[in-house]
PDB file of N, CA and C in Angstrom:
ATOM      1  N   UNK A   1       0.937  -1.363  -0.541  1.00  0.00           N
ATOM      2  CA  UNK A   1      -0.028  -0.383  -0.310  1.00  0.00           C
ATOM      3  C   UNK A   1       1.182   1.229  -0.324  1.00  0.00           C
ATOM      4  N   UNK A   2       0.615   1.898  -0.966  1.00  0.00           N
ATOM      5  CA  UNK A   2       1.333   3.619  -1.032  1.00  0.00           C
ATOM      6  C   UNK A   2       1.058   4.858   0.056  1.00  0.00           C
ATOM      7  N   UNK A   3       1.577   5.282  -0.026  1.00  0.00           N
ATOM      8  CA  UNK A   3       1.471   6.321   1.232  1.00  0.00           C
ATOM      9  C   UNK A   3       1.581   7.829   0.664  1.00  0.00           C
ATOM     10  N   UNK A   4       0.463   8.043   0.783  1.00  0.00           N
ATOM     11  CA  UNK A   4       0.777   9.710  -0.002  1.00  0.00           C
ATOM     12  C   UNK A   4       0.711  10.992   0.935  1.00  0.00           C
ATOM     13  N   UNK A   5       1.345  12.316   0.279  1.00  0.00           N
ATOM     14  CA  UNK A   5       1.117  13.361   1.506  1.00  0.00           C
ATOM     15  C   UNK A   5       0.235  14.405   0.873  1.00  0.00           C
ATOM     16  N   UNK A   6      -0.689  14.720   1.520  1.00  0.00           N
ATOM     17  CA  UNK A   6      -1.388  15.655   0.670  1.00  0.00           C
ATOM     18  C   UNK A   6      -1.850  16.929   1.530  1.00  0.00           C
ATOM     19  N   UNK A   7      -3.079  17.840   0.928  1.00  0.00           N
ATOM     20  CA  UNK A   7      -3.626  19.034   1.493  1.00  0.00           C
ATOM     21  C   UNK A   7      -3.793  20.473   0.330  1.00  0.00           C
ATOM     22  N   UNK A   8      -3.903  21.240   1.180  1.00  0.00           N
ATOM     23  CA  UNK A   8      -4.663  21.923   0.301  1.00  0.00           C
ATOM     24  C   UNK A   8      -3.369  23.230  -0.380  1.00  0.00           C
ATOM     25  N   UNK A   9      -3.375  24.045  -0.716  1.00  0.00           N
ATOM     26  CA  UNK A   9      -2.192  25.004  -1.614  1.00  0.00           C
ATOM     27  C   UNK A   9      -1.972  25.767  -0.479  1.00  0.00           C
ATOM     28  N   UNK A  10      -2.518  26.536   0.577  1.00  0.00           N
ATOM     29  CA  UNK A  10      -1.415  27.186   1.870  1.00  0.00           C
ATOM     30  C   UNK A  10      -0.560  26.201   2.612  1.00  0.00           C
ATOM     31  N   UNK A  11      -0.808  24.398   2.968  1.00  0.00           N
ATOM     32  CA  UNK A  11      -0.162  24.764   3.921  1.00  0.00           C
ATOM     33  C   UNK A  11      -0.490  24.272   4.833  1.00  0.00           C
ATOM     34  N   UNK A  12      -2.527  25.302   4.871  1.00  0.00           N
ATOM     35  CA  UNK A  12      -3.231  25.274   6.755  1.00  0.00           C
ATOM     36  C   UNK A  12      -4.032  23.647   6.684  1.00  0.00           C
ATOM     37  N   UNK A  13      -4.095  23.339   5.709  1.00  0.00           N
ATOM     38  CA  UNK A  13      -4.608  22.028   5.558  1.00  0.00           C
ATOM     39  C   UNK A  13      -3.793  20.189   5.059  1.00  0.00           C
ATOM     40  N   UNK A  14      -3.352  19.797   6.355  1.00  0.00           N
ATOM     41  CA  UNK A  14      -2.384  18.189   5.247  1.00  0.00           C
ATOM     42  C   UNK A  14      -2.779  16.807   6.169  1.00  0.00           C
ATOM     43  N   UNK A  15      -2.746  15.959   5.063  1.00  0.00           N
ATOM     44  CA  UNK A  15      -3.354  15.106   5.835  1.00  0.00           C
ATOM     45  C   UNK A  15      -2.308  13.750   5.090  1.00  0.00           C
ATOM     46  N   UNK A  16      -1.896  12.879   5.556  1.00  0.00           N
ATOM     47  CA  UNK A  16      -1.430  11.731   4.937  1.00  0.00           C
ATOM     48  C   UNK A  16      -2.407  10.492   4.351  1.00  0.00           C
ATOM     49  N   UNK A  17      -2.580   9.684   3.089  1.00  0.00           N
ATOM     50  CA  UNK A  17      -3.775   8.848   2.860  1.00  0.00           C
ATOM     51  C   UNK A  17      -3.069   7.413   1.884  1.00  0.00           C
ATOM     52  N   UNK A  18      -3.326   6.655   2.837  1.00  0.00           N
ATOM     53  CA  UNK A  18      -2.636   5.249   2.773  1.00  0.00           C
ATOM     54  C   UNK A  18      -3.592   4.824   1.452  1.00  0.00           C
ATOM     55  N   UNK A  19      -2.726   4.283   0.860  1.00  0.00           N
ATOM     56  CA  UNK A  19      -3.936   3.599  -0.386  1.00  0.00           C
ATOM     57  C   UNK A  19      -3.945   2.974  -1.362  1.00  0.00           C
ATOM     58  N   UNK A  20      -4.196   2.069  -2.073  1.00  0.00           N
ATOM     59  CA  UNK A  20      -3.489   2.074  -3.680  1.00  0.00           C
ATOM     60  C   UNK A  20      -4.819   2.874  -4.345  1.00  0.00           C
ATOM     61  N   UNK A  21      -4.293   3.848  -5.378  1.00  0.00           N
ATOM     62  CA  UNK A  21      -5.185   4.483  -6.570  1.00  0.00           C
ATOM     63  C   UNK A  21      -4.756   3.701  -7.850  1.00  0.00           C
ATOM     64  N   UNK A  22      -5.761   3.531  -7.924  1.00  0.00           N
ATOM     65  CA  UNK A  22      -5.993   3.912  -9.824  1.00  0.00           C
ATOM     66  C   UNK A  22      -6.345   3.639 -10.682  1.00  0.00           C
ATOM     67  N   UNK A  23      -7.468   4.495 -10.554  1.00  0.00           N
ATOM     68  CA  UNK A  23      -8.669   5.603 -11.255  1.00  0.00           C
ATOM     69  C   UNK A  23      -8.977   6.678 -10.110  1.00  0.00           C
ATOM     70  N   UNK A  24      -9.877   7.338 -10.606  1.00  0.00           N
ATOM     71  CA  UNK A  24      -9.951   8.360 -10.463  1.00  0.00           C
ATOM     72  C   UNK A  24     -11.464   9.238 -10.824  1.00  0.00           C
ATOM     73  N   UNK A  25     -12.753   9.489 -10.131  1.00  0.00           N
ATOM     74  CA  UNK A  25     -13.391  10.549 -10.836  1.00  0.00           C
ATOM     75  C   UNK A  25     -13.882  11.040 -11.284  1.00  0.00           C
ATOM     76  N   UNK A  26     -14.377  11.551 -12.877  1.00  0.00           N
ATOM     77  CA  UNK A  26     -14.805  12.966 -12.826  1.00  0.00           C
ATOM     78  C   UNK A  26     -16.071  13.166 -12.851  1.00  0.00           C
ATOM     79  N   UNK A  27     -16.380  13.675 -11.895  1.00  0.00           N
ATOM     80  CA  UNK A  27     -17.784  13.702 -12.073  1.00  0.00           C
ATOM     81  C   UNK A  27     -17.783  15.318 -12.174  1.00  0.00           C
ATOM     82  N   UNK A  28     -19.474  15.476 -12.851  1.00  0.00           N
ATOM     83  CA  UNK A  28     -19.887  16.408 -13.243  1.00  0.00           C
ATOM     84  C   UNK A  28     -21.312  17.025 -12.699  1.00  0.00           C
ATOM     85  N   UNK A  29     -21.069  16.945 -11.685  1.00  0.00           N
ATOM     86  CA  UNK A  29     -22.218  17.591 -10.204  1.00  0.00           C
ATOM     87  C   UNK A  29     -21.889  19.101 -10.244  1.00  0.00           C
ATOM     88  N   UNK A  30     -22.766  19.640  -9.931  1.00  0.00           N
ATOM     89  CA  UNK A  30     -22.023  21.520 -10.015  1.00  0.00           C
ATOM     90  C   UNK A  30     -21.335  21.852  -8.496  1.00  0.00           C
ATOM     91  N   UNK A  31     -20.702  20.874  -7.896  1.00  0.00           N
ATOM     92  CA  UNK A  31     -19.799  21.343  -7.256  1.00  0.00           C
ATOM     93  C   UNK A  31     -18.553  20.646  -7.537  1.00  0.00           C
ATOM     94  N   UNK A  32     -18.056  19.678  -8.718  1.00  0.00           N
ATOM     95  CA  UNK A  32     -16.962  18.749  -8.854  1.00  0.00           C
ATOM     96  C   UNK A  32     -16.854  20.003  -9.726  1.00  0.00           C
ATOM     97  N   UNK A  33     -17.966  20.518 -11.083  1.00  0.00           N
ATOM     98  CA  UNK A  33     -17.518  20.382 -12.165  1.00  0.00           C
ATOM     99  C   UNK A  33     -17.268  22.052 -12.399  1.00  0.00           C
ATOM    100  N   UNK A  34     -17.219  23.006 -10.825  1.00  0.00           N
ATOM    101  CA  UNK A  34     -16.818  24.169 -10.986  1.00  0.00           C
ATOM    102  C   UNK A  34     -15.604  24.049  -9.851  1.00  0.00           C
ATOM    103  N   UNK A  35     -15.389  22.926  -8.710  1.00  0.00           N
ATOM    104  CA  UNK A  35     -13.967  23.084  -7.996  1.00  0.00           C
ATOM    105  C   UNK A  35     -13.006  22.349  -8.699  1.00  0.00           C
ATOM    106  N   UNK A  36     -13.275  21.835 -10.229  1.00  0.00           N
ATOM    107  CA  UNK A  36     -12.550  20.346 -10.466  1.00  0.00           C
ATOM    108  C   UNK A  36     -11.597  19.331 -10.029  1.00  0.00           C
ATOM    109  N   UNK A  37     -12.924  19.328  -8.777  1.00  0.00           N
ATOM    110  CA  UNK A  37     -12.243  17.485  -8.394  1.00  0.00           C
ATOM    111  C   UNK A  37     -12.138  16.770  -9.768  1.00  0.00           C
ATOM    112  N   UNK A  38     -11.081  16.145  -9.287  1.00  0.00           N
ATOM    113  CA  UNK A  38     -11.292  14.440  -9.524  1.00  0.00           C
ATOM    114  C   UNK A  38     -11.062  13.714  -7.829  1.00  0.00           C
ATOM    115  N   UNK A  39     -11.748  12.537  -7.953  1.00  0.00           N
ATOM    116  CA  UNK A  39     -11.963  11.550  -6.584  1.00  0.00           C
ATOM    117  C   UNK A  39     -11.929  10.781  -7.149  1.00  0.00           C
ATOM    118  N   UNK A  40     -11.076  10.216  -5.340  1.00  0.00           N
ATOM    119  CA  UNK A  40     -11.414   8.675  -5.222  1.00  0.00           C
ATOM    120  C   UNK A  40     -12.102   8.016  -3.913  1.00  0.00           C
ATOM    121  N   UNK A  41     -11.935   7.057  -3.199  1.00  0.00           N
ATOM    122  CA  UNK A  41     -13.151   7.061  -2.767  1.00  0.00           C
ATOM    123  C   UNK A  41     -12.395   5.761  -1.699  1.00  0.00           C
ATOM    124  N   UNK A  42     -12.477   6.352  -0.264  1.00  0.00           N
ATOM    125  CA  UNK A  42     -11.503   5.431   0.522  1.00  0.00           C
ATOM    126  C   UNK A  42     -12.454   4.835   1.838  1.00  0.00           C
ATOM    127  N   UNK A  43     -12.180   3.915   2.828  1.00  0.00           N
ATOM    128  CA  UNK A  43     -12.425   4.172   4.243  1.00  0.00           C
ATOM    129  C   UNK A  43     -12.183   5.230   4.911  1.00  0.00           C
ATOM    130  N   UNK A  44     -12.973   5.580   5.866  1.00  0.00           N
ATOM    131  CA  UNK A  44     -12.328   6.748   6.709  1.00  0.00           C
ATOM    132  C   UNK A  44     -11.149   6.804   6.942  1.00  0.00           C
ATOM    133  N   UNK A  45     -10.427   5.541   7.729  1.00  0.00           N
ATOM    134  CA  UNK A  45      -9.402   5.357   8.733  1.00  0.00           C
ATOM    135  C   UNK A  45      -8.023   5.570   7.564  1.00  0.00           C
ATOM    136  N   UNK A  46      -8.407   5.467   6.313  1.00  0.00           N
ATOM    137  CA  UNK A  46      -7.277   5.329   5.187  1.00  0.00           C
ATOM    138  C   UNK A  46      -6.327   7.108   5.634  1.00  0.00           C
ATOM    139  N   UNK A  47      -7.385   8.029   6.122  1.00  0.00           N
ATOM    140  CA  UNK A  47      -6.861   9.061   5.361  1.00  0.00           C
ATOM    141  C   UNK A  47      -6.348   9.686   7.337  1.00  0.00           C
ATOM    142  N   UNK A  48      -4.953  10.499   7.568  1.00  0.00           N
ATOM    143  CA  UNK A  48      -5.147  10.891   8.954  1.00  0.00           C
ATOM    144  C   UNK A  48      -4.459  12.512   8.393  1.00  0.00           C
ATOM    145  N   UNK A  49      -5.566  12.956   9.706  1.00  0.00           N
ATOM    146  CA  UNK A  49      -5.336  13.947   9.389  1.00  0.00           C
ATOM    147  C   UNK A  49      -4.191  15.259  10.126  1.00  0.00           C
ATOM    148  N   UNK A  50      -3.015  15.552  10.045  1.00  0.00           N
ATOM    149  CA  UNK A  50      -1.522  16.444  10.237  1.00  0.00           C
ATOM    150  C   UNK A  50      -2.025  17.392  10.870  1.00  0.00           C
ATOM    151  N   UNK A  51      -2.981  18.508  10.360  1.00  0.00           N
ATOM    152  CA  UNK A  51      -3.393  19.251  11.060  1.00  0.00           C
ATOM    153  C   UNK A  51      -4.713  19.218  11.504  1.00  0.00           C
ATOM    154  N   UNK A  52      -4.819  20.540  12.879  1.00  0.00           N
ATOM    155  CA  UNK A  52      -5.979  20.252  13.463  1.00  0.00           C
ATOM    156  C   UNK A  52      -7.465  20.584  12.922  1.00  0.00           C
ATOM    157  N   UNK A  53      -8.378  19.914  13.219  1.00  0.00           N
ATOM    158  CA  UNK A  53      -9.044  19.755  12.830  1.00  0.00           C
ATOM    159  C   UNK A  53     -10.478  21.361  12.543  1.00  0.00           C
ATOM    160  N   UNK A  54      -9.760  21.847  13.536  1.00  0.00           N
ATOM    161  CA  UNK A  54     -10.519  23.169  13.260  1.00  0.00           C
ATOM    162  C   UNK A  54     -10.064  23.977  12.289  1.00  0.00           C
ATOM    163  N   UNK A  55      -9.027  23.521  11.330  1.00  0.00           N
ATOM    164  CA  UNK A  55      -8.999  24.528  10.651  1.00  0.00           C
ATOM    165  C   UNK A  55      -9.765  24.150   9.072  1.00  0.00           C
ATOM    166  N   UNK A  56     -10.545  23.014   9.264  1.00  0.00           N
ATOM    167  CA  UNK A  56     -11.304  23.091   7.836  1.00  0.00           C
ATOM    168  C   UNK A  56     -12.731  23.656   8.077  1.00  0.00           C
ATOM    169  N   UNK A  57     -12.977  24.426   6.998  1.00  0.00           N
ATOM    170  CA  UNK A  57     -14.104  24.544   7.013  1.00  0.00           C
ATOM    171  C   UNK A  57     -14.884  23.723   5.701  1.00  0.00           C
ATOM    172  N   UNK A  58     -16.519  24.012   5.937  1.00  0.00           N
ATOM    173  CA  UNK A  58     -16.744  22.573   5.739  1.00  0.00           C
ATOM    174  C   UNK A  58     -18.218  23.120   5.309  1.00  0.00           C
ATOM    175  N   UNK A  59     -18.829  22.781   3.642  1.00  0.00           N
ATOM    176  CA  UNK A  59     -19.682  23.194   3.802  1.00  0.00           C
ATOM    177  C   UNK A  59     -20.588  21.961   2.917  1.00  0.00           C
ATOM    178  N   UNK A  60     -21.911  21.823   3.209  1.00  0.00           N
ATOM    179  CA  UNK A  60     -22.907  21.071   2.090  1.00  0.00           C
ATOM    180  C   UNK A  60     -23.934  21.282   1.664  1.00  0.00           C
ATOM    181  N   UNK A  61     -24.300  20.592   0.688  1.00  0.00           N
ATOM    182  CA  UNK A  61     -25.500  21.404  -0.281  1.00  0.00           C
ATOM    183  C   UNK A  61     -26.089  19.747  -0.805  1.00  0.00           C
ATOM    184  N   UNK A  62     -27.155  20.010  -1.445  1.00  0.00           N
ATOM    185  CA  UNK A  62     -28.320  19.104  -2.065  1.00  0.00           C
ATOM    186  C   UNK A  62     -28.946  18.472  -0.746  1.00  0.00           C
ATOM    187  N   UNK A  63     -28.596  16.308  -0.890  1.00  0.00           N
ATOM    188  CA  UNK A  63     -28.662  16.304   0.415  1.00  0.00           C
ATOM    189  C   UNK A  63     -28.484  16.632   1.694  1.00  0.00           C
ATOM    190  N   UNK A  64     -27.796  17.011   1.702  1.00  0.00           N
ATOM    191  CA  UNK A  64     -27.126  17.259   3.173  1.00  0.00           C
ATOM    192  C   UNK A  64     -26.085  16.364   3.389  1.00  0.00           C
ATOM    193  N   UNK A  65     -25.518  15.596   3.015  1.00  0.00           N
ATOM    194  CA  UNK A  65     -24.850  13.963   3.671  1.00  0.00           C
ATOM    195  C   UNK A  65     -23.402  13.970   3.517  1.00  0.00           C
ATOM    196  N   UNK A  66     -23.062  15.143   3.071  1.00  0.00           N
ATOM    197  CA  UNK A  66     -21.431  14.573   2.808  1.00  0.00           C
ATOM    198  C   UNK A  66     -20.500  15.870   2.941  1.00  0.00           C
ATOM    199  N   UNK A  67     -19.450  16.432   3.784  1.00  0.00           N
ATOM    200  CA  UNK A  67     -18.832  17.053   4.514  1.00  0.00           C
ATOM    201  C   UNK A  67     -17.914  17.192   3.248  1.00  0.00           C
ATOM    202  N   UNK A  68     -17.751  18.377   2.635  1.00  0.00           N
ATOM    203  CA  UNK A  68     -16.657  18.943   1.550  1.00  0.00           C
ATOM    204  C   UNK A  68     -15.972  19.591   2.585  1.00  0.00           C
ATOM    205  N   UNK A  69     -14.875  19.591   2.721  1.00  0.00           N
ATOM    206  CA  UNK A  69     -14.054  20.071   3.237  1.00  0.00           C
ATOM    207  C   UNK A  69     -13.429  21.298   2.947  1.00  0.00           C
ATOM    208  N   UNK A  70     -12.658  22.230   2.896  1.00  0.00           N
ATOM    209  CA  UNK A  70     -12.103  23.276   2.561  1.00  0.00           C
ATOM    210  C   UNK A  70     -11.212  24.233   3.085  1.00  0.00           C
ATOM    211  N   UNK A  71     -10.063  24.506   2.851  1.00  0.00           N
ATOM    212  CA  UNK A  71      -9.085  25.633   3.210  1.00  0.00           C
ATOM    213  C   UNK A  71     -10.013  26.762   3.437  1.00  0.00           C
ATOM    214  N   UNK A  72     -10.082  27.623   4.789  1.00  0.00           N
ATOM    215  CA  UNK A  72     -10.937  28.584   5.029  1.00  0.00           C
ATOM    216  C   UNK A  72      -9.047  29.821   4.956  1.00  0.00           C
ATOM    217  N   UNK A  73      -8.477  29.381   4.249  1.00  0.00           N
ATOM    218  CA  UNK A  73      -6.949  30.822   4.080  1.00  0.00           C
ATOM    219  C   UNK A  73      -6.983  30.001   2.591  1.00  0.00           C
ATOM    220  N   UNK A  74      -6.720  29.145   1.857  1.00  0.00           N
ATOM    221  CA  UNK A  74      -6.178  29.499   0.502  1.00  0.00           C
ATOM    222  C   UNK A  74      -7.723  28.950  -0.326  1.00  0.00           C
ATOM    223  N   UNK A  75      -8.384  28.508  -0.369  1.00  0.00           N
ATOM    224  CA  UNK A  75      -9.800  27.601  -0.546  1.00  0.00           C
ATOM    225  C   UNK A  75     -10.489  26.138  -1.277  1.00  0.00           C
ATOM    226  N   UNK A  76      -8.939  25.375  -1.398  1.00  0.00           N
ATOM    227  CA  UNK A  76      -8.282  24.380  -1.823  1.00  0.00           C
ATOM    228  C   UNK A  76      -9.885  23.585  -0.736  1.00  0.00           C
ATOM    229  N   UNK A  77     -10.166  22.600  -1.304  1.00  0.00           N
ATOM    230  CA  UNK A  77     -10.972  21.528  -1.201  1.00  0.00           C
ATOM    231  C   UNK A  77      -9.839  20.445  -1.724  1.00  0.00           C
ATOM    232  N   UNK A  78      -9.621  19.781  -0.565  1.00  0.00           N
ATOM    233  CA  UNK A  78      -8.938  18.141  -0.523  1.00  0.00           C
ATOM    234  C   UNK A  78      -9.371  17.534   0.050  1.00  0.00           C
ATOM    235  N   UNK A  79     -10.164  17.538   0.388  1.00  0.00           N
ATOM    236  CA  UNK A  79     -11.163  16.297   0.573  1.00  0.00           C
ATOM    237  C   UNK A  79     -12.699  16.725   1.181  1.00  0.00           C
ATOM    238  N   UNK A  80     -13.580  15.251   0.850  1.00  0.00           N
ATOM    239  CA  UNK A  80     -14.758  14.810   2.499  1.00  0.00           C
ATOM    240  C   UNK A  80     -15.237  14.160   2.298  1.00  0.00           C
ATOM    241  N   UNK A  81     -15.524  13.564   3.680  1.00  0.00           N
ATOM    242  CA  UNK A  81     -16.030  13.109   4.147  1.00  0.00           C
ATOM    243  C   UNK A  81     -17.877  12.881   4.426  1.00  0.00           C
ATOM    244  N   UNK A  82     -17.709  11.516   4.832  1.00  0.00           N
ATOM    245  CA  UNK A  82     -19.480  11.124   4.268  1.00  0.00           C
ATOM    246  C   UNK A  82     -19.709   9.764   4.732  1.00  0.00           C
ATOM    247  N   UNK A  83     -20.569   8.493   4.835  1.00  0.00           N
ATOM    248  CA  UNK A  83     -20.932   8.048   5.029  1.00  0.00           C
ATOM    249  C   UNK A  83     -21.752   6.999   3.505  1.00  0.00           C
ATOM    250  N   UNK A  84     -21.328   5.515   3.752  1.00  0.00           N
ATOM    251  CA  UNK A  84     -21.875   4.716   2.168  1.00  0.00           C
ATOM    252  C   UNK A  84     -23.174   4.357   2.707  1.00  0.00           C
ATOM    253  N   UNK A  85     -23.823   4.596   1.706  1.00  0.00           N
ATOM    254  CA  UNK A  85     -25.288   4.758   2.097  1.00  0.00           C
ATOM    255  C   UNK A  85     -25.699   2.821   1.856  1.00  0.00           C
ATOM    256  N   UNK A  86     -24.584   1.981   1.179  1.00  0.00           N
ATOM    257  CA  UNK A  86     -25.207   0.596   1.344  1.00  0.00           C
ATOM    258  C   UNK A  86     -24.673   0.065   2.616  1.00  0.00           C
ATOM    259  N   UNK A  87     -23.521   0.228   3.361  1.00  0.00           N
ATOM    260  CA  UNK A  87     -22.788  -0.315   4.414  1.00  0.00           C
ATOM    261  C   UNK A  87     -22.601   0.792   5.357  1.00  0.00           C
ATOM    262  N   UNK A  88     -22.736   1.221   5.448  1.00  0.00           N
ATOM    263  CA  UNK A  88     -23.342   2.808   6.806  1.00  0.00           C
ATOM    264  C   UNK A  88     -21.373   2.794   7.122  1.00  0.00           C
ATOM    265  N   UNK A  89     -20.972   2.696   6.506  1.00  0.00           N
ATOM    266  CA  UNK A  89     -19.539   2.621   6.884  1.00  0.00           C
ATOM    267  C   UNK A  89     -18.827   4.434   6.554  1.00  0.00           C
ATOM    268  N   UNK A  90     -17.947   4.595   7.015  1.00  0.00           N
ATOM    269  CA  UNK A  90     -17.094   5.937   7.311  1.00  0.00           C
ATOM    270  C   UNK A  90     -16.689   6.175   6.194  1.00  0.00           C
ATOM    271  N   UNK A  91     -16.829   6.975   5.346  1.00  0.00           N
ATOM    272  CA  UNK A  91     -15.419   6.987   3.657  1.00  0.00           C
ATOM    273  C   UNK A  91     -15.193   8.271   3.634  1.00  0.00           C
ATOM    274  N   UNK A  92     -14.253   8.122   2.808  1.00  0.00           N
ATOM    275  CA  UNK A  92     -13.797  10.072   2.738  1.00  0.00           C
ATOM    276  C   UNK A  92     -13.022  10.086   1.256  1.00  0.00           C
ATOM    277  N   UNK A  93     -13.482  11.059   0.960  1.00  0.00           N
ATOM    278  CA  UNK A  93     -13.307  11.490  -0.940  1.00  0.00           C
ATOM    279  C   UNK A  93     -12.305  12.135  -0.979  1.00  0.00           C
ATOM    280  N   UNK A  94     -11.109  11.981  -1.276  1.00  0.00           N
ATOM    281  CA  UNK A  94     -10.375  12.744  -1.642  1.00  0.00           C
ATOM    282  C   UNK A  94     -10.251  13.221  -3.144  1.00  0.00           C
ATOM    283  N   UNK A  95      -9.303  14.289  -3.272  1.00  0.00           N
ATOM    284  CA  UNK A  95      -9.351  15.237  -4.378  1.00  0.00           C
ATOM    285  C   UNK A  95      -7.860  14.304  -5.030  1.00  0.00           C
ATOM    286  N   UNK A  96      -7.935  13.766  -5.752  1.00  0.00           N
ATOM    287  CA  UNK A  96      -6.757  13.120  -6.089  1.00  0.00           C
ATOM    288  C   UNK A  96      -5.802  14.428  -6.553  1.00  0.00           C
ATOM    289  N   UNK A  97      -6.163  15.711  -6.980  1.00  0.00           N
ATOM    290  CA  UNK A  97      -5.409  16.593  -6.929  1.00  0.00           C
ATOM    291  C   UNK A  97      -4.735  17.512  -5.895  1.00  0.00           C
ATOM    292  N   UNK A  98      -5.292  16.849  -4.850  1.00  0.00           N
ATOM    293  CA  UNK A  98      -4.466  17.727  -3.736  1.00  0.00           C
ATOM    294  C   UNK A  98      -3.153  16.806  -3.377  1.00  0.00           C
ATOM    295  N   UNK A  99      -2.506  15.750  -4.359  1.00  0.00           N
ATOM    296  CA  UNK A  99      -2.139  14.564  -3.794  1.00  0.00           C
ATOM    297  C   UNK A  99      -1.018  14.995  -5.039  1.00  0.00           C
ATOM    298  N   UNK A 100       0.447  15.948  -4.125  1.00  0.00           N
ATOM    299  CA  UNK A 100       1.355  16.552  -5.120  1.00  0.00           C
ATOM    300  C   UNK A 100       2.125  15.197  -5.645  1.00  0.00           C
ATOM    301  N   UNK A 101       2.255  14.147  -4.928  1.00  0.00           N
ATOM    302  CA  UNK A 101       3.113  12.974  -5.626  1.00  0.00           C
ATOM    303  C   UNK A 101       2.501  11.654  -5.990  1.00  0.00           C
ATOM    304  N   UNK A 102       1.267  12.150  -6.879  1.00  0.00           N
ATOM    305  CA  UNK A 102       0.007  11.334  -7.366  1.00  0.00           C
ATOM    306  C   UNK A 102       0.124  11.593  -9.089  1.00  0.00           C
ATOM    307  N   UNK A 103       1.060  10.931  -9.913  1.00  0.00           N
ATOM    308  CA  UNK A 103       1.271  10.921 -11.224  1.00  0.00           C
ATOM    309  C   UNK A 103      -0.174  10.710 -11.724  1.00  0.00           C
ATOM    310  N   UNK A 104      -1.106  11.467 -11.862  1.00  0.00           N
ATOM    311  CA  UNK A 104      -2.458  12.001 -12.209  1.00  0.00           C
ATOM    312  C   UNK A 104      -2.233  10.904 -13.604  1.00  0.00           C
ATOM    313  N   UNK A 105      -1.144  10.948 -14.502  1.00  0.00           N
ATOM    314  CA  UNK A 105      -1.467  10.442 -15.849  1.00  0.00           C
ATOM    315  C   UNK A 105      -1.268   8.607 -15.608  1.00  0.00           C
ATOM    316  N   UNK A 106      -1.442   8.470 -14.718  1.00  0.00           N
ATOM    317  CA  UNK A 106      -1.462   7.184 -14.722  1.00  0.00           C
ATOM    318  C   UNK A 106      -2.140   6.015 -14.291  1.00  0.00           C
ATOM    319  N   UNK A 107      -3.576   7.474 -13.892  1.00  0.00           N
ATOM    320  CA  UNK A 107      -4.768   6.530 -13.676  1.00  0.00           C
ATOM    321  C   UNK A 107      -6.028   6.622 -14.686  1.00  0.00           C
ATOM    322  N   UNK A 108      -6.927   5.268 -14.514  1.00  0.00           N
ATOM    323  CA  UNK A 108      -7.666   5.524 -15.503  1.00  0.00           C
ATOM    324  C   UNK A 108      -9.114   6.541 -14.972  1.00  0.00           C
ATOM    325  N   UNK A 109      -9.228   7.509 -15.699  1.00  0.00           N
ATOM    326  CA  UNK A 109     -10.661   8.698 -15.278  1.00  0.00           C
ATOM    327  C   UNK A 109     -11.289   7.897 -16.107  1.00  0.00           C
ATOM    328  N   UNK A 110     -12.213   7.833 -14.551  1.00  0.00           N
ATOM    329  CA  UNK A 110     -14.129   7.571 -14.820  1.00  0.00           C
ATOM    330  C   UNK A 110     -14.981   8.776 -14.455  1.00  0.00           C
ATOM    331  N   UNK A 111     -15.372   8.407 -15.959  1.00  0.00           N
ATOM    332  CA  UNK A 111     -16.844  10.138 -16.158  1.00  0.00           C
ATOM    333  C   UNK A 111     -18.085   8.939 -14.795  1.00  0.00           C
ATOM    334  N   UNK A 112     -18.651  10.060 -14.203  1.00  0.00           N
ATOM    335  CA  UNK A 112     -19.709   9.852 -13.222  1.00  0.00           C
ATOM    336  C   UNK A 112     -20.444  11.252 -13.688  1.00  0.00           C
ATOM    337  N   UNK A 113     -21.702  10.955 -13.799  1.00  0.00           N
ATOM    338  CA  UNK A 113     -23.049  11.744 -14.386  1.00  0.00           C
ATOM    339  C   UNK A 113     -23.816  11.908 -12.678  1.00  0.00           C
ATOM    340  N   UNK A 114     -22.995  13.156 -11.660  1.00  0.00           N
ATOM    341  CA  UNK A 114     -23.666  13.403 -10.446  1.00  0.00           C
ATOM    342  C   UNK A 114     -24.401  14.145 -10.975  1.00  0.00           C
ATOM    343  N   UNK A 115     -24.800  15.152 -12.280  1.00  0.00           N
ATOM    344  CA  UNK A 115     -25.841  16.036 -12.223  1.00  0.00           C
ATOM    345  C   UNK A 115     -26.570  15.594 -12.549  1.00  0.00           C
ATOM    346  N   UNK A 116     -27.082  13.964 -12.470  1.00  0.00           N
ATOM    347  CA  UNK A 116     -28.278  13.387 -12.755  1.00  0.00           C
ATOM    348  C   UNK A 116     -28.913  13.077 -11.391  1.00  0.00           C
ATOM    349  N   UNK A 117     -27.942  12.708 -10.136  1.00  0.00           N
ATOM    350  CA  UNK A 117     -29.030  12.341  -8.674  1.00  0.00           C
ATOM    351  C   UNK A 117     -29.439  13.943  -8.236  1.00  0.00           C
TER     352      UNK A 117
END
């Protein structure tokens, strides 16, 4: 399993992610389309926040089920947290663009029609 260091642009939010990443989801929902997110989903325990949680700004929209976290200083949204509706397990959706050590060109990009949900 690989370990990635990630975070926002200014360093106010930093985390590690322990995961093997093979694909990213390119969602066309109103949020992802505007922020340019490229997401991958993992169990919540795969992400370890390295900075205080009180640095996270949080935005919810639509069904209010996902905590979309962003940096209150630079505005970058490195990850979101939610619950898998099928299993009830806590999950994290990481914006793969917030992982500087990940070569995005090696990933399979999967289009997701989030706009229709």
